[in-house]
Amino acid sequence: MTSPLRGLLMFFMAILAGCGSCQSSSSCDPSQYGTNGCACRTDANSCNPGLTCQSGTCGPCGAEGGACCVSGATTSCNGTLSCVMEAAGERCRNCGEVGESCCTSSGNNQFCRSNAVCVSGMCQSVADLTCDPNGTIFAVGVQSKPARCGLRVVEVRASSLANAMQCAGSSGMLNAATEELYEIPNTPLSDFELCLVSAGQGRRTTSVQAFDDLNATRCARWTRCGDDDPCSSVTHGACTP
């Protein structure tokens, strides 16, 4: 064999030897499905723990900036990282805990984990929102304005219902431009199913979160109907045939 051909052959052999450990999902044995770098399984647990299914292949999840881990209907990240819905999908970010910056979702909404509230871009401990250290804990509802859709419930410690409302309103937990307090503390945030009727979309069933029936109806009219196709009717309960 001539020297140039021998050199070329040795070059390709070196490449093949260096890729002996390379593995793609297409070359995995079916028994390896669900492991790192191999195809996702078709059952409920598509990938092994610590991995998530991405474009049909199992890959690492839970790390900063990486995909969120998925188990059934639950998403999670490593350590204190929070799973945030972004334009590119759900990603793990270092945000949402007390003392960290607020998480920002794809809809440009800011939020914190359940033990904190977003105040001026930073997550503040709910326990710190105390107007009376010896008072009673009141659950105060926060809703959007002007739609009055229910957003969240926060806890404050105060000596009375009236003081609880004043405490919550002055603590900095609200975005004054888009949020307001629901007027009755200790009211749970509930899911409401409604039937909407409009000329453009006909009859359809939707659900919203609110603190009472009236605000649920208002929320649906503001967020589900729109000026181009206003709802002629909004009634509680699913639409019937």
C-alpha atoms as a PDB file:
ATOM      1  CA  MET A   1       0.000   0.000   0.000  1.00  0.00           C
ATOM      2  CA  THR A   2       1.348   3.406  -0.902  1.00  0.00           C
ATOM      3  CA  SER A   3       2.374   5.721   1.860  1.00  0.00           C
ATOM      4  CA  PRO A   4      -0.388   8.353   1.270  1.00  0.00           C
ATOM      5  CA  LEU A   5      -3.114   5.683   1.346  1.00  0.00           C
ATOM      6  CA  ARG A   6      -1.619   4.084   4.446  1.00  0.00           C
ATOM      7  CA  GLY A   7      -1.604   7.482   6.194  1.00  0.00           C
ATOM      8  CA  LEU A   8      -5.233   8.139   5.244  1.00  0.00           C
ATOM      9  CA  LEU A   9      -6.312   4.722   6.520  1.00  0.00           C
ATOM     10  CA  MET A  10      -4.514   5.238   9.823  1.00  0.00           C
ATOM     11  CA  PHE A  11      -6.210   8.646  10.181  1.00  0.00           C
ATOM     12  CA  PHE A  12      -9.713   7.144   9.856  1.00  0.00           C
ATOM     13  CA  MET A  13      -8.830   4.295  12.208  1.00  0.00           C
ATOM     14  CA  ALA A  14      -7.736   6.835  14.815  1.00  0.00           C
ATOM     15  CA  ILE A  15     -11.059   8.659  14.508  1.00  0.00           C
ATOM     16  CA  LEU A  16     -13.008   5.420  14.937  1.00  0.00           C
ATOM     17  CA  ALA A  17     -10.921   4.427  17.951  1.00  0.00           C
ATOM     18  CA  GLY A  18     -11.462   7.807  19.589  1.00  0.00           C
ATOM     19  CA  CYS A  19     -15.229   7.474  19.163  1.00  0.00           C
ATOM     20  CA  GLY A  20     -15.435   3.995  20.600  1.00  0.00           C
ATOM     21  CA  SER A  21     -17.405   5.339  23.582  1.00  0.00           C
ATOM     22  CA  CYS A  22     -19.700   7.548  21.510  1.00  0.00           C
ATOM     23  CA  GLN A  23     -23.362   6.680  21.897  1.00  0.00           C
ATOM     24  CA  SER A  24     -26.531   8.037  20.350  1.00  0.00           C
ATOM     25  CA  SER A  25     -30.120   7.230  21.164  1.00  0.00           C
ATOM     26  CA  SER A  26     -30.425   5.327  17.875  1.00  0.00           C
ATOM     27  CA  SER A  27     -27.599   2.929  18.802  1.00  0.00           C
ATOM     28  CA  CYS A  28     -28.907   2.149  22.304  1.00  0.00           C
ATOM     29  CA  ASP A  29     -30.236  -1.291  23.042  1.00  0.00           C
ATOM     30  CA  PRO A  30     -33.935  -1.194  24.080  1.00  0.00           C
ATOM     31  CA  SER A  31     -32.884  -2.358  27.535  1.00  0.00           C
ATOM     32  CA  GLN A  32     -30.970   0.945  27.875  1.00  0.00           C
ATOM     33  CA  TYR A  33     -33.943   3.167  27.051  1.00  0.00           C
ATOM     34  CA  GLY A  34     -34.502   5.718  29.804  1.00  0.00           C
ATOM     35  CA  THR A  35     -30.800   6.111  30.571  1.00  0.00           C
ATOM     36  CA  ASN A  36     -28.631   9.133  29.792  1.00  0.00           C
ATOM     37  CA  GLY A  37     -28.186   9.616  26.044  1.00  0.00           C
ATOM     38  CA  CYS A  38     -30.676   6.913  25.085  1.00  0.00           C
ATOM     39  CA  ALA A  39     -34.246   7.082  23.834  1.00  0.00           C
ATOM     40  CA  CYS A  40     -37.036   7.862  26.280  1.00  0.00           C
ATOM     41  CA  ARG A  41     -39.247   5.004  27.402  1.00  0.00           C
ATOM     42  CA  THR A  42     -42.916   5.090  26.468  1.00  0.00           C
ATOM     43  CA  ASP A  43     -44.248   4.479  29.987  1.00  0.00           C
ATOM     44  CA  ALA A  44     -45.042   7.097  32.653  1.00  0.00           C
ATOM     45  CA  ASN A  45     -41.411   7.126  33.883  1.00  0.00           C
ATOM     46  CA  SER A  46     -39.867   7.912  30.511  1.00  0.00           C
ATOM     47  CA  CYS A  47     -36.369   8.505  31.951  1.00  0.00           C
ATOM     48  CA  ASN A  48     -34.444   7.412  35.013  1.00  0.00           C
ATOM     49  CA  PRO A  49     -34.287   9.712  38.083  1.00  0.00           C
ATOM     50  CA  GLY A  50     -32.176  12.818  37.468  1.00  0.00           C
ATOM     51  CA  LEU A  51     -32.981  12.744  33.745  1.00  0.00           C
ATOM     52  CA  THR A  52     -35.766  14.176  31.633  1.00  0.00           C
ATOM     53  CA  CYS A  53     -37.029  13.457  28.116  1.00  0.00           C
ATOM     54  CA  GLN A  54     -35.863  16.118  25.660  1.00  0.00           C
ATOM     55  CA  SER A  55     -36.638  15.692  21.945  1.00  0.00           C
ATOM     56  CA  GLY A  56     -37.025  11.953  22.443  1.00  0.00           C
ATOM     57  CA  THR A  57     -33.721  11.452  24.288  1.00  0.00           C
ATOM     58  CA  CYS A  58     -33.048  11.284  28.037  1.00  0.00           C
ATOM     59  CA  GLY A  59     -30.684  13.957  29.327  1.00  0.00           C
ATOM     60  CA  PRO A  60     -29.635  15.507  32.653  1.00  0.00           C
ATOM     61  CA  CYS A  61     -32.099  17.803  34.379  1.00  0.00           C
ATOM     62  CA  GLY A  62     -32.382  19.959  37.479  1.00  0.00           C
ATOM     63  CA  ALA A  63     -29.183  21.990  37.099  1.00  0.00           C
ATOM     64  CA  GLU A  64     -28.969  25.793  36.833  1.00  0.00           C
ATOM     65  CA  GLY A  65     -30.175  26.822  33.371  1.00  0.00           C
ATOM     66  CA  GLY A  66     -31.056  23.223  32.471  1.00  0.00           C
ATOM     67  CA  ALA A  67     -34.401  21.551  31.911  1.00  0.00           C
ATOM     68  CA  CYS A  68     -36.644  20.928  34.907  1.00  0.00           C
ATOM     69  CA  CYS A  69     -37.010  17.335  36.087  1.00  0.00           C
ATOM     70  CA  VAL A  70     -40.505  15.926  35.510  1.00  0.00           C
ATOM     71  CA  SER A  71     -42.203  13.221  37.562  1.00  0.00           C
ATOM     72  CA  GLY A  72     -45.826  12.732  36.596  1.00  0.00           C
ATOM     73  CA  ALA A  73     -47.415  16.176  36.918  1.00  0.00           C
ATOM     74  CA  THR A  74     -44.669  17.502  39.226  1.00  0.00           C
ATOM     75  CA  THR A  75     -41.604  19.485  38.172  1.00  0.00           C
ATOM     76  CA  SER A  76     -38.500  20.013  40.298  1.00  0.00           C
ATOM     77  CA  CYS A  77     -34.896  21.254  40.288  1.00  0.00           C
ATOM     78  CA  ASN A  78     -31.765  20.516  42.279  1.00  0.00           C
ATOM     79  CA  GLY A  79     -31.302  22.139  45.686  1.00  0.00           C
ATOM     80  CA  THR A  80     -33.044  25.506  46.026  1.00  0.00           C
ATOM     81  CA  LEU A  81     -33.373  26.137  42.283  1.00  0.00           C
ATOM     82  CA  SER A  82     -36.872  26.972  41.026  1.00  0.00           C
ATOM     83  CA  CYS A  83     -38.574  25.672  37.895  1.00  0.00           C
ATOM     84  CA  VAL A  84     -39.556  28.655  35.733  1.00  0.00           C
ATOM     85  CA  MET A  85     -41.647  28.583  32.555  1.00  0.00           C
ATOM     86  CA  GLU A  86     -39.753  30.549  29.910  1.00  0.00           C
ATOM     87  CA  ALA A  87     -40.144  31.046  26.173  1.00  0.00           C
ATOM     88  CA  ALA A  88     -37.825  28.078  25.520  1.00  0.00           C
ATOM     89  CA  GLY A  89     -39.658  25.819  28.008  1.00  0.00           C
ATOM     90  CA  GLU A  90     -39.293  25.068  31.720  1.00  0.00           C
ATOM     91  CA  ARG A  91     -35.812  25.828  33.043  1.00  0.00           C
ATOM     92  CA  CYS A  92     -34.181  25.697  36.483  1.00  0.00           C
ATOM     93  CA  ARG A  93     -33.163  29.110  37.804  1.00  0.00           C
ATOM     94  CA  ASN A  94     -31.518  30.404  40.972  1.00  0.00           C
ATOM     95  CA  CYS A  95     -34.475  32.490  42.113  1.00  0.00           C
ATOM     96  CA  GLY A  96     -37.612  32.430  44.219  1.00  0.00           C
ATOM     97  CA  GLU A  97     -36.143  31.737  47.655  1.00  0.00           C
ATOM     98  CA  VAL A  98     -36.035  34.288  50.484  1.00  0.00           C
ATOM     99  CA  GLY A  99     -33.211  36.751  49.780  1.00  0.00           C
ATOM    100  CA  GLU A 100     -33.025  35.839  46.083  1.00  0.00           C
ATOM    101  CA  SER A 101     -34.416  37.726  43.132  1.00  0.00           C
ATOM    102  CA  CYS A 102     -37.998  37.015  42.092  1.00  0.00           C
ATOM    103  CA  CYS A 103     -38.464  34.445  39.333  1.00  0.00           C
ATOM    104  CA  THR A 104     -39.706  35.828  36.003  1.00  0.00           C
ATOM    105  CA  SER A 105     -41.938  33.631  33.849  1.00  0.00           C
ATOM    106  CA  SER A 106     -42.464  33.740  30.083  1.00  0.00           C
ATOM    107  CA  GLY A 107     -45.439  36.050  30.661  1.00  0.00           C
ATOM    108  CA  ASN A 108     -43.073  38.478  32.436  1.00  0.00           C
ATOM    109  CA  ASN A 109     -44.812  37.734  35.754  1.00  0.00           C
ATOM    110  CA  GLN A 110     -42.692  37.760  38.897  1.00  0.00           C
ATOM    111  CA  PHE A 111     -43.187  35.213  41.670  1.00  0.00           C
ATOM    112  CA  CYS A 112     -41.486  33.566  44.653  1.00  0.00           C
ATOM    113  CA  ARG A 113     -41.833  30.213  46.367  1.00  0.00           C
ATOM    114  CA  SER A 114     -44.673  29.651  48.814  1.00  0.00           C
ATOM    115  CA  ASN A 115     -42.679  30.856  51.831  1.00  0.00           C
ATOM    116  CA  ALA A 116     -41.926  34.252  50.275  1.00  0.00           C
ATOM    117  CA  VAL A 117     -43.495  37.150  48.390  1.00  0.00           C
ATOM    118  CA  CYS A 118     -42.006  39.340  45.689  1.00  0.00           C
ATOM    119  CA  VAL A 119     -41.261  42.850  46.976  1.00  0.00           C
ATOM    120  CA  SER A 120     -39.490  45.266  44.608  1.00  0.00           C
ATOM    121  CA  GLY A 121     -37.917  42.421  42.645  1.00  0.00           C
ATOM    122  CA  MET A 122     -36.634  40.488  45.686  1.00  0.00           C
ATOM    123  CA  CYS A 123     -38.217  37.575  47.565  1.00  0.00           C
ATOM    124  CA  GLN A 124     -39.103  38.535  51.112  1.00  0.00           C
ATOM    125  CA  SER A 125     -40.048  36.111  53.890  1.00  0.00           C
ATOM    126  CA  VAL A 126     -43.762  35.942  54.596  1.00  0.00           C
ATOM    127  CA  ALA A 127     -42.867  35.687  58.283  1.00  0.00           C
ATOM    128  CA  ASP A 128     -41.282  39.150  58.074  1.00  0.00           C
ATOM    129  CA  LEU A 129     -44.581  40.717  56.992  1.00  0.00           C
ATOM    130  CA  THR A 130     -45.612  41.243  60.603  1.00  0.00           C
ATOM    131  CA  CYS A 131     -47.485  44.260  61.909  1.00  0.00           C
ATOM    132  CA  ASP A 132     -48.044  42.753  65.346  1.00  0.00           C
ATOM    133  CA  PRO A 133     -45.617  40.003  66.472  1.00  0.00           C
ATOM    134  CA  ASN A 134     -48.148  38.881  69.118  1.00  0.00           C
ATOM    135  CA  GLY A 135     -51.178  39.068  66.843  1.00  0.00           C
ATOM    136  CA  THR A 136     -53.137  36.471  64.894  1.00  0.00           C
ATOM    137  CA  ILE A 137     -52.142  35.175  61.473  1.00  0.00           C
ATOM    138  CA  PHE A 138     -54.604  36.251  58.783  1.00  0.00           C
ATOM    139  CA  ALA A 139     -54.677  34.955  55.203  1.00  0.00           C
ATOM    140  CA  VAL A 140     -55.114  37.901  52.849  1.00  0.00           C
ATOM    141  CA  GLY A 141     -56.098  37.423  49.216  1.00  0.00           C
ATOM    142  CA  VAL A 142     -54.416  39.228  46.341  1.00  0.00           C
ATOM    143  CA  GLN A 143     -56.281  39.711  43.062  1.00  0.00           C
ATOM    144  CA  SER A 144     -55.597  41.391  39.733  1.00  0.00           C
ATOM    145  CA  LYS A 145     -57.090  44.694  38.771  1.00  0.00           C
ATOM    146  CA  PRO A 146     -59.292  45.544  37.050  1.00  0.00           C
ATOM    147  CA  ALA A 147     -60.186  41.911  36.180  1.00  0.00           C
ATOM    148  CA  ARG A 148     -60.214  40.753  39.846  1.00  0.00           C
ATOM    149  CA  CYS A 149     -58.878  37.296  39.046  1.00  0.00           C
ATOM    150  CA  GLY A 150     -57.466  35.572  42.134  1.00  0.00           C
ATOM    151  CA  LEU A 151     -53.652  35.521  42.189  1.00  0.00           C
ATOM    152  CA  ARG A 152     -52.421  34.250  45.571  1.00  0.00           C
ATOM    153  CA  VAL A 153     -52.940  34.234  49.332  1.00  0.00           C
ATOM    154  CA  VAL A 154     -50.352  35.668  51.745  1.00  0.00           C
ATOM    155  CA  GLU A 155     -50.230  35.492  55.526  1.00  0.00           C
ATOM    156  CA  VAL A 156     -49.695  38.464  57.821  1.00  0.00           C
ATOM    157  CA  ARG A 157     -49.766  38.709  61.626  1.00  0.00           C
ATOM    158  CA  ALA A 158     -51.953  41.458  63.042  1.00  0.00           C
ATOM    159  CA  SER A 159     -54.248  42.277  65.970  1.00  0.00           C
ATOM    160  CA  SER A 160     -57.479  42.455  63.911  1.00  0.00           C
ATOM    161  CA  LEU A 161     -58.945  41.918  60.469  1.00  0.00           C
ATOM    162  CA  ALA A 162     -58.769  45.628  59.720  1.00  0.00           C
ATOM    163  CA  ASN A 163     -55.131  45.803  60.825  1.00  0.00           C
ATOM    164  CA  ALA A 164     -54.328  42.743  58.737  1.00  0.00           C
ATOM    165  CA  MET A 165     -55.603  44.492  55.625  1.00  0.00           C
ATOM    166  CA  GLN A 166     -53.688  47.663  56.456  1.00  0.00           C
ATOM    167  CA  CYS A 167     -50.568  45.624  57.159  1.00  0.00           C
ATOM    168  CA  ALA A 168     -50.803  43.722  53.880  1.00  0.00           C
ATOM    169  CA  GLY A 169     -51.467  46.878  51.886  1.00  0.00           C
ATOM    170  CA  SER A 170     -48.479  48.741  53.305  1.00  0.00           C
ATOM    171  CA  SER A 171     -45.946  45.904  53.338  1.00  0.00           C
ATOM    172  CA  GLY A 172     -44.836  46.293  49.724  1.00  0.00           C
ATOM    173  CA  MET A 173     -46.137  42.855  48.713  1.00  0.00           C
ATOM    174  CA  LEU A 174     -48.423  44.307  46.049  1.00  0.00           C
ATOM    175  CA  ASN A 175     -47.732  45.637  42.594  1.00  0.00           C
ATOM    176  CA  ALA A 176     -49.875  48.742  43.006  1.00  0.00           C
ATOM    177  CA  ALA A 177     -50.348  49.125  39.254  1.00  0.00           C
ATOM    178  CA  THR A 178     -51.829  45.668  38.666  1.00  0.00           C
ATOM    179  CA  GLU A 179     -52.813  44.158  42.039  1.00  0.00           C
ATOM    180  CA  GLU A 180     -55.195  44.811  44.913  1.00  0.00           C
ATOM    181  CA  LEU A 181     -56.310  43.102  48.124  1.00  0.00           C
ATOM    182  CA  TYR A 182     -59.517  41.100  48.351  1.00  0.00           C
ATOM    183  CA  GLU A 183     -61.655  42.764  50.983  1.00  0.00           C
ATOM    184  CA  ILE A 184     -62.437  39.722  53.162  1.00  0.00           C
ATOM    185  CA  PRO A 185     -59.397  38.081  54.834  1.00  0.00           C
ATOM    186  CA  ASN A 186     -59.270  34.293  55.319  1.00  0.00           C
ATOM    187  CA  THR A 187     -61.194  33.691  52.085  1.00  0.00           C
ATOM    188  CA  PRO A 188     -59.706  30.756  50.147  1.00  0.00           C
ATOM    189  CA  LEU A 189     -58.637  31.093  46.532  1.00  0.00           C
ATOM    190  CA  SER A 190     -60.986  28.826  44.551  1.00  0.00           C
ATOM    191  CA  ASP A 191     -61.361  27.393  41.054  1.00  0.00           C
ATOM    192  CA  PHE A 192     -64.574  28.327  39.251  1.00  0.00           C
ATOM    193  CA  GLU A 193     -65.923  26.582  36.148  1.00  0.00           C
ATOM    194  CA  LEU A 194     -68.005  28.790  33.855  1.00  0.00           C
ATOM    195  CA  CYS A 195     -69.882  28.603  30.568  1.00  0.00           C
ATOM    196  CA  LEU A 196     -69.166  31.442  28.124  1.00  0.00           C
ATOM    197  CA  VAL A 197     -71.271  32.375  25.108  1.00  0.00           C
ATOM    198  CA  SER A 198     -70.049  34.729  22.363  1.00  0.00           C
ATOM    199  CA  ALA A 199     -70.810  35.281  18.692  1.00  0.00           C
ATOM    200  CA  GLY A 200     -67.335  34.378  17.481  1.00  0.00           C
ATOM    201  CA  GLN A 201     -66.622  31.276  19.584  1.00  0.00           C
ATOM    202  CA  GLY A 202     -70.080  30.050  20.494  1.00  0.00           C
ATOM    203  CA  ARG A 203     -70.516  28.136  23.764  1.00  0.00           C
ATOM    204  CA  ARG A 204     -67.423  27.017  25.625  1.00  0.00           C
ATOM    205  CA  THR A 205     -66.428  25.974  29.126  1.00  0.00           C
ATOM    206  CA  THR A 206     -63.536  27.657  30.924  1.00  0.00           C
ATOM    207  CA  SER A 207     -62.153  27.905  34.459  1.00  0.00           C
ATOM    208  CA  VAL A 208     -60.698  30.812  36.433  1.00  0.00           C
ATOM    209  CA  GLN A 209     -59.403  31.391  39.964  1.00  0.00           C
ATOM    210  CA  ALA A 210     -61.145  33.968  42.139  1.00  0.00           C
ATOM    211  CA  PHE A 211     -62.245  34.663  45.705  1.00  0.00           C
ATOM    212  CA  ASP A 212     -66.020  34.711  45.060  1.00  0.00           C
ATOM    213  CA  ASP A 213     -68.662  34.012  42.406  1.00  0.00           C
ATOM    214  CA  LEU A 214     -69.058  37.619  41.276  1.00  0.00           C
ATOM    215  CA  ASN A 215     -65.340  38.184  40.787  1.00  0.00           C
ATOM    216  CA  ALA A 216     -65.042  34.856  38.966  1.00  0.00           C
ATOM    217  CA  THR A 217     -67.612  36.086  36.444  1.00  0.00           C
ATOM    218  CA  ARG A 218     -65.828  39.428  36.099  1.00  0.00           C
ATOM    219  CA  CYS A 219     -62.469  37.679  35.671  1.00  0.00           C
ATOM    220  CA  ALA A 220     -63.877  35.506  32.871  1.00  0.00           C
ATOM    221  CA  ARG A 221     -65.363  38.486  31.039  1.00  0.00           C
ATOM    222  CA  TRP A 222     -62.085  40.423  31.206  1.00  0.00           C
ATOM    223  CA  THR A 223     -59.680  37.594  30.394  1.00  0.00           C
ATOM    224  CA  ARG A 224     -61.649  35.097  28.277  1.00  0.00           C
ATOM    225  CA  CYS A 225     -64.007  37.227  26.168  1.00  0.00           C
ATOM    226  CA  GLY A 226     -62.225  40.348  24.870  1.00  0.00           C
ATOM    227  CA  ASP A 227     -63.397  43.472  23.080  1.00  0.00           C
ATOM    228  CA  ASP A 228     -63.399  41.813  19.624  1.00  0.00           C
ATOM    229  CA  ASP A 229     -65.687  38.984  20.719  1.00  0.00           C
ATOM    230  CA  PRO A 230     -67.546  40.045  23.884  1.00  0.00           C
ATOM    231  CA  CYS A 231     -69.425  37.422  25.850  1.00  0.00           C
ATOM    232  CA  SER A 232     -73.198  37.710  25.723  1.00  0.00           C
ATOM    233  CA  SER A 233     -73.499  35.314  28.644  1.00  0.00           C
ATOM    234  CA  VAL A 234     -71.274  34.059  31.508  1.00  0.00           C
ATOM    235  CA  THR A 235     -72.860  31.501  33.819  1.00  0.00           C
ATOM    236  CA  HIS A 236     -71.442  29.267  36.526  1.00  0.00           C
ATOM    237  CA  GLY A 237     -70.969  25.588  35.714  1.00  0.00           C
ATOM    238  CA  ALA A 238     -69.879  23.736  32.605  1.00  0.00           C
ATOM    239  CA  CYS A 239     -71.740  24.313  29.351  1.00  0.00           C
ATOM    240  CA  THR A 240     -74.441  21.735  28.637  1.00  0.00           C
ATOM    241  CA  PRO A 241     -75.012  20.315  25.143  1.00  0.00           C
END
